[in-house]
């Protein structure tokens, strides 16, 4: 016959020796106690106790323990253990306890919990280090990248710029159109209209009215031929008072 009370007393005594600072006895009949568990730490983390993952478990040994699982609960935990992780600890303890029925198991449950905390702590530390490296790399690339300064563009500023651009473009075209017109030289005018070489001589034989009529006739004829002579303005005042000019020209030629 199993002496459950003696077996439980021996286990409690062993737990007090293993966890002298973490073990706290609450009552003896039945045995009830709690153990504070911390994740294992390396030399650097040992100086930062507040950052270590920790949890406090409460155990109650039933009358027939270890032939049945003990009662357990989470009393408190560090802030870095969220509800999801606490639920994982509870599930882990349940599975370990059921697989160890018939044997004293509190030490096994505490060890499994400590391993879980250590793994979570290491994983989170590695993740933070990777994020820090990525942030540092991003800052380095940002510092090395060329910086371009410009005026922020909004819909209103773009429309205003577009309007000015179109106005300036239209003005440039107008200037080019006006400056691009080529004036005909005297030679080119005579080449376009051969009658101009005889017009001045012929005008000498006419009075003012006849000269004007002849000039209009020649201008109209040149325009009908599609040439540019129609665009030439004749200053009729040049032919006024020509009777007083001493022109030594043989008109019979």
Protein backbone atom coordinates (compact mmCIF):
# COMPACT_ATOMS: atom_id res chain seq x y z
CA UNK A 1 0.00 0.00 0.00
CA UNK A 2 1.33 3.40 -1.00
CA UNK A 3 2.01 5.88 1.77
CA UNK A 4 0.98 9.06 -0.10
CA UNK A 5 1.63 11.41 2.84
CA UNK A 6 5.21 10.19 3.30
CA UNK A 7 5.92 10.29 -0.41
CA UNK A 8 4.57 13.79 -0.68
CA UNK A 9 6.55 15.00 2.34
CA UNK A 10 9.77 13.66 0.84
CA UNK A 11 9.09 15.43 -2.45
CA UNK A 12 8.36 18.73 -0.72
CA UNK A 13 11.61 18.47 1.24
CA UNK A 14 13.53 17.87 -2.01
CA UNK A 15 11.86 20.83 -3.69
CA UNK A 16 12.81 23.12 -0.80
CA UNK A 17 16.44 22.06 -1.23
CA UNK A 18 16.43 22.59 -5.02
CA UNK A 19 14.59 25.91 -4.93
CA UNK A 20 15.53 27.53 -1.59
CA UNK A 21 14.70 31.07 -2.71
CA UNK A 22 11.90 30.27 -5.15
CA UNK A 23 9.88 27.82 -2.99
CA UNK A 24 7.16 29.14 -0.70
CA UNK A 25 5.08 26.79 1.47
CA UNK A 26 1.44 27.76 1.91
CA UNK A 27 0.00 24.81 3.86
CA UNK A 28 0.76 21.15 4.74
CA UNK A 29 -2.55 19.35 4.87
CA UNK A 30 -2.93 19.00 2.03
CA UNK A 31 0.42 20.15 0.78
CA UNK A 32 0.11 23.50 -0.98
CA UNK A 33 2.99 25.64 -2.16
CA UNK A 34 4.13 27.91 -4.96
CA UNK A 35 7.37 28.13 -6.89
CA UNK A 36 8.67 31.15 -8.79
CA UNK A 37 10.36 30.14 -12.03
CA UNK A 38 12.67 32.25 -14.20
CA UNK A 39 14.10 31.62 -17.63
CA UNK A 40 17.76 30.67 -17.66
CA UNK A 41 20.04 33.60 -18.43
CA UNK A 42 23.56 34.07 -19.73
CA UNK A 43 26.08 36.45 -18.20
CA UNK A 44 24.71 39.54 -19.92
CA UNK A 45 21.06 38.85 -19.13
CA UNK A 46 21.85 38.03 -15.49
CA UNK A 47 22.39 41.76 -14.92
CA UNK A 48 18.94 42.55 -16.29
CA UNK A 49 16.62 40.62 -14.00
CA UNK A 50 13.61 42.77 -14.86
CA UNK A 51 13.81 41.63 -18.50
CA UNK A 52 13.93 37.91 -17.77
CA UNK A 53 10.81 35.85 -18.39
CA UNK A 54 9.31 34.57 -15.15
CA UNK A 55 6.20 32.91 -13.84
CA UNK A 56 4.88 31.80 -10.43
CA UNK A 57 3.11 28.42 -10.24
CA UNK A 58 0.92 27.24 -7.40
CA UNK A 59 0.64 23.49 -6.68
CA UNK A 60 -1.77 21.55 -4.49
CA UNK A 61 -1.11 17.84 -3.90
CA UNK A 62 -4.27 15.76 -3.75
CA UNK A 63 -4.71 12.92 -1.25
CA UNK A 64 -3.70 10.24 -3.75
CA UNK A 65 -0.93 12.16 -5.51
CA UNK A 66 1.19 11.02 -7.38
CA UNK A 67 -1.36 8.51 -8.65
CA UNK A 68 -3.30 11.48 -9.94
CA UNK A 69 -2.18 14.82 -11.29
CA UNK A 70 -1.71 17.69 -8.82
CA UNK A 71 -3.76 20.82 -9.03
CA UNK A 72 -1.83 23.78 -10.42
CA UNK A 73 -2.43 27.36 -11.54
CA UNK A 74 -0.53 30.43 -12.63
CA UNK A 75 -0.37 33.00 -9.84
CA UNK A 76 1.47 35.73 -11.75
CA UNK A 77 3.91 36.21 -14.61
CA UNK A 78 6.21 38.83 -16.06
CA UNK A 79 4.79 41.42 -18.45
CA UNK A 80 6.55 39.88 -21.44
CA UNK A 81 4.33 36.80 -21.10
CA UNK A 82 1.02 37.62 -22.76
CA UNK A 83 -2.21 35.63 -22.44
CA UNK A 84 -1.29 33.39 -25.37
CA UNK A 85 1.99 32.35 -23.74
CA UNK A 86 0.30 31.79 -20.39
CA UNK A 87 -2.19 29.49 -22.11
CA UNK A 88 0.69 27.60 -23.70
CA UNK A 89 2.27 27.10 -20.25
CA UNK A 90 -1.00 25.70 -18.90
CA UNK A 91 -1.30 23.31 -21.83
CA UNK A 92 2.31 22.20 -21.38
CA UNK A 93 1.78 21.47 -17.67
CA UNK A 94 -1.37 19.46 -18.39
CA UNK A 95 0.36 17.26 -20.96
CA UNK A 96 3.44 16.71 -18.78
CA UNK A 97 1.37 15.88 -15.71
CA UNK A 98 -0.79 13.32 -17.53
CA UNK A 99 2.28 11.62 -18.95
CA UNK A 100 3.90 11.30 -15.48
CA UNK A 101 0.97 9.92 -13.44
CA UNK A 102 2.28 7.43 -10.82
CA UNK A 103 5.55 9.30 -10.26
CA UNK A 104 6.39 12.43 -8.28
CA UNK A 105 6.30 15.12 -10.93
CA UNK A 106 6.50 18.65 -9.55
CA UNK A 107 10.20 18.96 -10.36
CA UNK A 108 9.48 17.70 -13.91
CA UNK A 109 6.70 20.26 -14.34
CA UNK A 110 8.86 23.10 -13.06
CA UNK A 111 11.77 22.08 -15.33
CA UNK A 112 9.48 21.90 -18.39
CA UNK A 113 8.14 25.36 -17.60
CA UNK A 114 11.61 26.80 -17.22
CA UNK A 115 12.67 25.33 -20.57
CA UNK A 116 9.64 26.91 -22.22
CA UNK A 117 10.40 30.32 -20.70
CA UNK A 118 14.04 30.14 -21.78
CA UNK A 119 13.10 29.25 -25.35
CA UNK A 120 10.56 32.06 -25.58
CA UNK A 121 13.03 34.51 -24.12
CA UNK A 122 15.77 33.51 -26.58
CA UNK A 123 13.38 33.61 -29.56
CA UNK A 124 12.12 37.07 -28.64
CA UNK A 125 15.65 38.33 -28.05
CA UNK A 126 16.75 37.03 -31.45
CA UNK A 127 13.75 38.66 -33.08
CA UNK A 128 14.52 42.01 -31.43
CA UNK A 129 18.14 41.82 -32.55
CA UNK A 130 17.09 41.11 -36.14
CA UNK A 131 14.64 44.00 -36.09
CA UNK A 132 17.35 46.28 -34.68
CA UNK A 133 19.75 45.23 -37.47
CA UNK A 134 17.10 45.82 -40.12
CA UNK A 135 16.36 49.25 -38.67
CA UNK A 136 20.06 50.10 -38.53
CA UNK A 137 20.51 48.97 -42.14
CA UNK A 138 17.52 51.03 -43.23
CA UNK A 139 18.91 54.10 -41.47
CA UNK A 140 22.31 53.53 -43.08
CA UNK A 141 20.80 53.28 -46.56
CA UNK A 142 18.73 56.37 -45.91
CA UNK A 143 21.81 58.31 -44.83
CA UNK A 144 23.80 57.17 -47.87
CA UNK A 145 21.03 57.79 -50.38
CA UNK A 146 21.17 61.11 -52.30
CA UNK A 147 18.78 63.69 -50.98
CA UNK A 148 16.64 65.54 -53.49
CA UNK A 149 15.03 68.78 -52.46
CA UNK A 150 12.11 70.22 -54.34
CA UNK A 151 8.85 72.04 -54.02
CA UNK A 152 5.95 69.92 -52.78
CA UNK A 153 3.37 69.53 -55.56
CA UNK A 154 -0.36 69.72 -54.99
CA UNK A 155 -3.23 69.64 -57.48
CA UNK A 156 -3.64 73.40 -57.25
CA UNK A 157 0.06 74.19 -57.74
CA UNK A 158 0.29 71.78 -60.68
CA UNK A 159 -2.69 73.36 -62.46
CA UNK A 160 -1.25 76.83 -61.92
CA UNK A 161 2.13 75.73 -63.33
CA UNK A 162 0.46 74.07 -66.32
CA UNK A 163 -1.47 77.26 -67.14
CA UNK A 164 1.68 79.40 -67.03
CA UNK A 165 3.59 76.85 -69.09
CA UNK A 166 0.94 76.81 -71.82
CA UNK A 167 0.82 80.62 -71.88
CA UNK A 168 4.61 80.85 -72.20
CA UNK A 169 4.62 78.19 -74.91
CA UNK A 170 1.93 80.01 -76.89
CA UNK A 171 3.87 83.29 -76.58
CA UNK A 172 7.06 81.64 -77.83
CA UNK A 173 5.27 80.27 -80.87
CA UNK A 174 3.83 83.69 -81.65
CA UNK A 175 7.26 85.34 -81.49
CA UNK A 176 8.77 82.64 -83.70
CA UNK A 177 5.94 83.07 -86.21
CA UNK A 178 6.43 86.84 -86.43
CA UNK A 179 10.22 86.73 -86.58
CA UNK A 180 10.14 83.86 -89.05
CA UNK A 181 8.58 85.95 -91.83
CA UNK A 182 11.22 86.80 -94.45
CA UNK A 183 11.04 90.07 -96.30
CA UNK A 184 11.70 89.88 -100.05
CA UNK A 185 14.71 91.71 -101.43
CA UNK A 186 14.48 93.96 -104.47
CA UNK A 187 16.04 91.29 -106.65
CA UNK A 188 13.51 88.70 -105.47
CA UNK A 189 10.64 91.10 -106.14
CA UNK A 190 11.82 91.67 -109.74
CA UNK A 191 12.32 87.93 -110.22
CA UNK A 192 8.76 87.28 -109.12
CA UNK A 193 7.30 90.05 -111.31
CA UNK A 194 9.29 90.97 -114.45
CA UNK A 195 6.96 93.90 -115.22
CA UNK A 196 8.42 95.84 -112.30
CA UNK A 197 11.55 96.53 -114.37
CA UNK A 198 9.46 98.51 -116.85
CA UNK A 199 6.90 100.07 -114.52
CA UNK A 200 8.92 103.06 -113.43
CA UNK A 201 9.80 104.05 -117.00
CA UNK A 202 6.23 103.62 -118.16
CA UNK A 203 4.93 105.74 -115.31
CA UNK A 204 6.93 108.69 -116.57
CA UNK A 205 4.63 108.95 -119.61
CA UNK A 206 1.44 108.95 -117.57
CA UNK A 207 -0.25 111.52 -115.49
CA UNK A 208 -1.13 110.81 -111.84
CA UNK A 209 -4.41 109.02 -112.53
CA UNK A 210 -3.01 106.80 -115.24
CA UNK A 211 0.04 105.89 -113.10
CA UNK A 212 -2.18 104.85 -110.22
CA UNK A 213 -4.34 102.75 -112.53
CA UNK A 214 -1.29 101.02 -113.99
CA UNK A 215 0.12 100.27 -110.55
CA UNK A 216 -3.16 98.73 -109.37
CA UNK A 217 -3.33 96.61 -112.51
CA UNK A 218 0.18 95.23 -112.00
CA UNK A 219 -0.46 94.50 -108.34
CA UNK A 220 -3.69 92.64 -109.12
CA UNK A 221 -1.97 90.61 -111.84
CA UNK A 222 0.80 89.50 -109.55
CA UNK A 223 -1.73 88.41 -106.93
CA UNK A 224 -3.60 86.32 -109.50
CA UNK A 225 -0.39 84.44 -110.33
CA UNK A 226 -0.09 83.32 -106.68
CA UNK A 227 3.14 85.25 -106.06
CA UNK A 228 4.07 87.43 -103.12
CA UNK A 229 3.97 90.65 -105.18
CA UNK A 230 0.38 91.16 -104.06
CA UNK A 231 1.77 91.80 -100.63
CA UNK A 232 4.01 94.69 -101.83
CA UNK A 233 2.67 98.15 -100.96
CA UNK A 234 3.38 100.81 -103.56
CA UNK A 235 3.88 104.29 -102.22
CA UNK A 236 2.20 106.45 -104.90
CA UNK A 237 3.59 109.62 -103.36
CA UNK A 238 6.96 108.69 -104.83
CA UNK A 239 5.58 109.38 -108.28
CA UNK A 240 4.10 112.83 -107.54
CA UNK A 241 5.64 115.91 -109.16
CA UNK A 242 7.91 113.88 -111.43
CA UNK A 243 7.44 116.51 -114.17
CA UNK A 244 10.12 118.62 -112.47
CA UNK A 245 12.73 115.84 -112.54
CA UNK A 246 15.50 116.10 -115.09
CA UNK A 247 15.61 112.51 -116.35
CA UNK A 248 17.93 111.90 -119.27
CA UNK A 249 16.21 108.69 -120.41
CA UNK A 250 15.55 107.74 -124.00
CA UNK A 251 11.92 106.60 -123.70
CA UNK A 252 11.93 105.39 -127.31
CA UNK A 253 14.27 102.60 -126.27
